[in-house]
N, C-alpha and C. Protein backbone atom coordinates (compact mmCIF):
# COMPACT_ATOMS: atom_id res chain seq x y z
N MET A 1 112.46 -1.89 -58.31
CA MET A 1 113.02 -1.55 -57.02
C MET A 1 112.75 -0.09 -56.68
N LEU A 2 113.04 0.80 -57.62
CA LEU A 2 112.84 2.22 -57.39
C LEU A 2 111.36 2.54 -57.25
N LYS A 3 110.54 1.86 -58.05
CA LYS A 3 109.09 2.07 -57.98
C LYS A 3 108.55 1.63 -56.62
N SER A 4 109.08 0.53 -56.10
CA SER A 4 108.66 0.04 -54.79
C SER A 4 109.04 1.03 -53.68
N MET A 5 110.22 1.62 -53.79
CA MET A 5 110.65 2.60 -52.80
C MET A 5 109.78 3.85 -52.87
N PHE A 6 109.38 4.23 -54.07
CA PHE A 6 108.51 5.39 -54.26
C PHE A 6 107.16 5.16 -53.58
N PHE A 7 106.56 3.99 -53.81
CA PHE A 7 105.27 3.69 -53.20
C PHE A 7 105.40 3.56 -51.68
N ARG A 8 106.50 3.01 -51.21
CA ARG A 8 106.72 2.89 -49.77
C ARG A 8 106.83 4.27 -49.12
N GLY A 9 107.54 5.18 -49.78
CA GLY A 9 107.66 6.54 -49.29
C GLY A 9 106.31 7.25 -49.24
N LYS A 10 105.53 7.11 -50.31
CA LYS A 10 104.20 7.74 -50.34
C LYS A 10 103.29 7.11 -49.28
N TYR A 11 103.42 5.80 -49.08
CA TYR A 11 102.62 5.12 -48.06
C TYR A 11 102.91 5.71 -46.68
N TYR A 12 104.19 5.81 -46.34
CA TYR A 12 104.55 6.33 -45.02
C TYR A 12 104.21 7.80 -44.87
N TRP A 13 104.30 8.57 -45.95
CA TRP A 13 103.94 9.99 -45.89
C TRP A 13 102.45 10.15 -45.56
N HIS A 14 101.61 9.39 -46.27
CA HIS A 14 100.17 9.50 -46.04
C HIS A 14 99.79 8.93 -44.67
N LEU A 15 100.48 7.90 -44.22
CA LEU A 15 100.22 7.35 -42.90
C LEU A 15 100.59 8.37 -41.82
N PHE A 16 101.72 9.05 -42.00
CA PHE A 16 102.14 10.09 -41.06
C PHE A 16 101.12 11.23 -41.04
N GLN A 17 100.69 11.68 -42.22
CA GLN A 17 99.73 12.77 -42.30
C GLN A 17 98.39 12.38 -41.67
N HIS A 18 97.97 11.15 -41.87
CA HIS A 18 96.72 10.67 -41.27
C HIS A 18 96.80 10.74 -39.75
N ARG A 19 97.87 10.21 -39.19
CA ARG A 19 98.03 10.21 -37.73
C ARG A 19 98.16 11.63 -37.19
N HIS A 20 98.88 12.47 -37.91
CA HIS A 20 99.07 13.85 -37.50
C HIS A 20 97.72 14.59 -37.45
N ASN A 21 96.92 14.44 -38.48
CA ASN A 21 95.61 15.09 -38.52
C ASN A 21 94.67 14.54 -37.45
N GLU A 22 94.76 13.25 -37.16
CA GLU A 22 93.94 12.67 -36.10
C GLU A 22 94.31 13.27 -34.74
N LEU A 23 95.60 13.45 -34.49
CA LEU A 23 96.02 14.04 -33.22
C LEU A 23 95.59 15.50 -33.12
N LEU A 24 95.73 16.23 -34.21
CA LEU A 24 95.30 17.63 -34.21
C LEU A 24 93.80 17.73 -33.97
N GLN A 25 93.05 16.82 -34.56
CA GLN A 25 91.60 16.82 -34.41
C GLN A 25 91.19 16.58 -32.97
N GLN A 26 91.90 15.71 -32.28
CA GLN A 26 91.56 15.42 -30.88
C GLN A 26 91.78 16.62 -29.98
N ASP A 27 92.80 17.43 -30.29
CA ASP A 27 93.13 18.58 -29.45
C ASP A 27 92.42 19.86 -29.86
N CYS A 28 91.70 19.82 -30.96
CA CYS A 28 91.08 21.02 -31.50
C CYS A 28 89.80 21.37 -30.74
N LEU A 29 89.57 22.68 -30.58
CA LEU A 29 88.36 23.15 -29.91
C LEU A 29 87.30 23.63 -30.90
N CYS A 30 87.72 24.12 -32.05
CA CYS A 30 86.81 24.65 -33.06
C CYS A 30 86.18 23.51 -33.86
N GLU A 31 84.86 23.49 -33.91
CA GLU A 31 84.15 22.41 -34.60
C GLU A 31 84.39 22.44 -36.11
N GLU A 32 84.49 23.63 -36.70
CA GLU A 32 84.73 23.72 -38.14
C GLU A 32 86.10 23.14 -38.50
N LEU A 33 87.09 23.45 -37.70
CA LEU A 33 88.43 22.94 -37.94
C LEU A 33 88.49 21.44 -37.72
N LYS A 34 87.73 20.94 -36.74
CA LYS A 34 87.67 19.49 -36.50
C LYS A 34 87.15 18.76 -37.73
N ILE A 35 86.14 19.33 -38.36
CA ILE A 35 85.56 18.71 -39.56
C ILE A 35 86.58 18.69 -40.70
N LYS A 36 87.28 19.81 -40.89
CA LYS A 36 88.30 19.88 -41.95
C LYS A 36 89.42 18.87 -41.69
N LEU A 37 89.86 18.77 -40.45
CA LEU A 37 90.91 17.82 -40.12
C LEU A 37 90.45 16.38 -40.29
N LYS A 38 89.19 16.12 -39.98
CA LYS A 38 88.64 14.78 -40.16
C LYS A 38 88.61 14.40 -41.64
N ILE A 39 88.24 15.35 -42.49
CA ILE A 39 88.22 15.11 -43.94
C ILE A 39 89.63 14.81 -44.44
N LYS A 40 90.60 15.59 -43.97
CA LYS A 40 91.99 15.37 -44.38
C LYS A 40 92.49 14.02 -43.89
N ALA A 41 92.14 13.66 -42.67
CA ALA A 41 92.58 12.37 -42.11
C ALA A 41 91.99 11.21 -42.90
N VAL A 42 90.74 11.31 -43.28
CA VAL A 42 90.10 10.25 -44.06
C VAL A 42 90.76 10.13 -45.44
N TYR A 43 91.07 11.27 -46.05
CA TYR A 43 91.75 11.26 -47.35
C TYR A 43 93.11 10.57 -47.25
N HIS A 44 93.91 10.97 -46.27
CA HIS A 44 95.25 10.39 -46.14
C HIS A 44 95.19 8.92 -45.76
N ASN A 45 94.18 8.53 -45.01
CA ASN A 45 94.02 7.11 -44.68
C ASN A 45 93.69 6.30 -45.93
N SER A 46 92.82 6.81 -46.77
CA SER A 46 92.47 6.07 -47.99
C SER A 46 93.67 5.97 -48.93
N LYS A 47 94.47 7.05 -49.00
CA LYS A 47 95.67 7.00 -49.84
C LYS A 47 96.70 6.04 -49.28
N ALA A 48 96.85 5.99 -47.95
CA ALA A 48 97.78 5.06 -47.33
C ALA A 48 97.37 3.62 -47.61
N ILE A 49 96.08 3.35 -47.55
CA ILE A 49 95.58 2.00 -47.86
C ILE A 49 95.85 1.68 -49.33
N GLU A 50 95.62 2.65 -50.20
CA GLU A 50 95.86 2.44 -51.64
C GLU A 50 97.33 2.11 -51.91
N PHE A 51 98.23 2.89 -51.34
CA PHE A 51 99.66 2.63 -51.58
C PHE A 51 100.15 1.41 -50.84
N GLY A 52 99.54 1.11 -49.69
CA GLY A 52 99.91 -0.11 -48.98
C GLY A 52 99.53 -1.36 -49.74
N ALA A 53 98.47 -1.30 -50.49
CA ALA A 53 98.05 -2.44 -51.29
C ALA A 53 99.00 -2.70 -52.46
N ARG A 54 99.69 -1.66 -52.90
CA ARG A 54 100.63 -1.81 -54.02
C ARG A 54 101.97 -2.37 -53.60
N LEU A 55 102.24 -2.38 -52.29
CA LEU A 55 103.54 -2.87 -51.82
C LEU A 55 103.62 -4.35 -51.86
C-alpha cells in the first residue's frame, strides 16, 4: 500500500514537471533555453510513463 502511494506520488510529480516544462517551452523566446526545457520535458515524460506502468 505504501509502495503504491510512493509510486503514485512520483508519477504525478513527473507528470506535473513534464507539463510545466512544456508550457515554459512554448512561452520561451531563447532557443537554447527551449532546447534545455525540451530535454527536461522528455525526461519527466519518460519517468512518468515508467512510474505509471508500475501502478
